[in-house]
Protein backbone atom coordinates (compact mmCIF):
# COMPACT_ATOMS: atom_id res chain seq x y z
CA MET A 1 175.63 33.46 108.87
CA THR A 2 178.63 30.71 108.22
CA THR A 3 181.31 30.94 105.12
CA SER A 4 181.56 27.86 103.35
CA ALA A 5 183.03 26.91 100.78
CA ALA A 6 181.27 23.26 100.53
CA PHE A 7 178.83 22.04 101.82
CA TRP A 8 177.30 18.39 101.69
CA ASP A 9 173.93 17.99 103.30
CA TRP A 10 170.23 16.42 103.47
CA VAL A 11 168.26 19.34 101.38
CA VAL A 12 164.28 18.84 101.17
CA ASP A 13 164.29 14.90 99.89
CA HIS A 14 167.70 13.89 98.76
CA TRP A 15 171.38 14.81 99.52
CA ARG A 16 172.88 17.60 98.21
CA GLY A 17 176.63 18.66 97.52
CA ARG A 18 178.24 22.18 96.82
CA TRP A 19 181.52 23.60 95.98
CA VAL A 20 181.96 26.81 95.61
CA LEU A 21 185.53 29.43 94.72
CA PRO A 22 187.35 30.55 97.79
CA GLY A 23 185.58 33.73 98.69
CA TYR A 24 181.85 32.61 98.48
CA SER A 25 179.82 30.77 100.21
CA ALA A 26 178.31 27.33 99.11
CA ARG A 27 175.19 28.02 101.30
CA ASP A 28 174.28 31.34 98.85
CA ALA A 29 172.09 31.26 96.63
CA ASN A 30 173.06 34.00 95.06
CA VAL A 31 176.43 32.82 93.73
CA PRO A 32 177.70 33.41 90.17
CA ARG A 33 176.62 30.49 88.23
CA ASN A 34 180.73 30.66 87.06
CA LYS A 35 181.83 31.05 90.54
CA VAL A 36 180.18 27.80 91.94
CA VAL A 37 182.87 24.49 90.67
CA MET A 38 180.69 21.53 91.13
CA ASP A 39 176.36 21.50 92.58
CA THR A 40 174.73 18.11 92.35
CA ASP A 41 171.21 19.82 92.05
CA ASP A 42 172.94 21.50 88.82
CA ILE A 43 175.17 19.24 87.01
CA GLY A 44 174.57 20.90 83.79
CA MET A 45 172.38 19.84 80.32
CA LEU A 46 171.48 16.55 82.50
CA SER A 47 170.86 18.38 86.13
CA LYS A 48 166.99 18.16 86.76
CA LEU A 49 164.70 20.16 85.54
CA ALA A 50 161.36 18.66 87.38
CA ASN A 51 160.30 15.11 88.64
CA GLY A 52 157.26 13.32 90.12
CA GLN A 53 155.01 10.74 89.92
CA TYR A 54 151.20 10.68 88.78
CA THR A 55 148.71 7.88 90.48
CA LEU A 56 145.76 7.19 88.03
CA SER A 57 143.40 4.76 90.42
CA TYR A 58 140.57 2.80 88.83
CA GLY A 59 138.20 -0.47 88.65
CA GLY A 60 137.62 -2.93 86.16
CA SER A 61 138.84 -0.75 82.73
CA LEU A 62 140.39 2.76 82.27
CA ASP A 63 140.45 5.03 79.15
CA THR A 64 141.81 8.23 80.74
CA GLY A 65 141.93 10.09 77.55
CA PRO A 66 144.07 12.74 77.83
CA VAL A 67 145.46 13.82 81.36
CA THR A 68 148.71 16.49 82.19
CA ILE A 69 150.26 14.29 84.88
CA ALA A 70 152.62 17.04 84.81
CA SER A 71 153.76 20.80 84.65
CA TRP A 72 156.54 22.93 85.10
CA THR A 73 157.20 26.92 83.91
CA ASP A 74 158.82 26.30 80.34
CA PRO A 75 162.21 26.62 79.93
CA GLY A 76 162.30 27.20 76.33
CA PHE A 77 162.86 23.94 74.52
CA VAL A 78 160.84 20.72 75.37
CA PRO A 79 163.22 18.41 77.68
CA LEU A 80 164.37 15.00 77.28
CA CYS A 81 161.96 13.23 80.24
CA LEU A 82 162.25 9.99 81.44
CA TYR A 83 159.72 7.27 82.74
CA ARG A 84 158.82 4.07 84.03
CA PHE A 85 155.43 2.55 85.22
CA SER A 86 154.15 0.30 88.02
CA ILE A 87 150.80 -0.97 88.26
CA ALA A 88 149.41 -1.88 91.65
CA GLY A 89 152.41 -1.18 93.75
CA GLY A 90 154.62 -3.49 91.96
CA GLU A 91 157.66 -3.74 90.45
CA TRP A 92 158.85 -0.84 88.67
CA GLU A 93 158.95 -1.77 84.68
CA ASN A 94 161.40 -0.65 82.16
CA VAL A 95 162.75 2.96 82.25
CA TYR A 96 161.55 4.84 79.06
CA THR A 97 162.49 8.21 77.39
CA MET A 98 160.07 10.69 76.44
CA GLN A 99 160.84 12.87 73.71
CA ASN A 100 158.15 15.65 71.87
CA THR A 101 157.09 13.05 69.18
CA GLY A 102 155.65 11.09 72.15
CA SER A 103 155.49 7.18 73.01
CA THR A 104 153.37 5.47 71.84
CA SER A 105 151.77 1.27 72.63
CA GLY A 106 148.21 0.07 72.28
CA ASN A 107 147.50 0.62 75.68
CA TYR A 108 149.40 4.06 75.90
CA TYR A 109 150.51 7.62 74.52
CA ILE A 110 152.88 9.84 76.46
CA LYS A 111 153.83 13.34 75.17
CA VAL A 112 156.17 15.81 76.34
CA HIS A 113 155.70 19.55 75.46
CA ARG A 114 157.60 22.60 76.29
CA THR A 115 155.16 22.95 79.98
CA GLY A 116 154.64 19.62 81.02
CA ILE A 117 153.80 15.91 80.55
CA ILE A 118 150.45 14.98 79.08
CA ALA A 119 149.30 10.98 79.30
CA SER A 120 146.42 8.98 77.63
CA LEU A 121 146.36 5.23 78.49
CA LYS A 122 143.85 2.32 77.97
CA LEU A 123 143.59 -0.63 80.59
CA ILE A 124 140.75 -3.25 80.23
CA ASN A 125 139.80 -6.07 83.15
CA SER A 126 142.65 -4.57 85.75
CA SER A 127 141.52 -3.53 89.17
CA SER A 128 144.83 -1.83 89.84
CA PRO A 129 146.34 1.48 89.91
CA VAL A 130 149.12 2.62 87.64
CA THR A 131 151.91 4.91 88.99
CA ILE A 132 153.71 6.80 86.18
CA ALA A 133 157.03 8.14 87.65
CA TRP A 134 158.57 10.52 85.76
CA THR A 135 161.83 13.00 85.65
CA ALA A 136 161.86 15.95 83.06
CA LEU A 137 165.72 16.56 82.35
CA ARG A 138 167.58 20.26 81.72
CA LEU A 139 168.39 18.45 77.70
CA LYS A 140 166.73 19.83 74.77
CA VAL A 141 165.01 17.48 72.83
CA MET A 142 166.17 18.56 68.83
């Protein structure tokens, strides 16, 4: 294994950079956190806990009732989440924040829990799938 104090590489599905103090290898996942100078996958509280997409397909109308659209290992707190919608593969709608109090409109309800996201969607007279893209951050919601 080559020892390197830094790297910038394509890792799985994104670019990642990591820099560590001299004497450590940036590619060693066991380097103590206090020896890591910078890691783009872990930039503190605003680093990503989890992210993904969930698509609800339907024809005519949709009333999902509560559906788990995301889950993750309990971080010990309710994380701040961001989400956006795309209908029928169209433009992504505005970014919204999700907190433990939930986000509600006449057509949807989304709530973040310590271990995931629950959604309930109600759409009438539409024949398009709805995709929800979400990101959970390592920031505790008070």
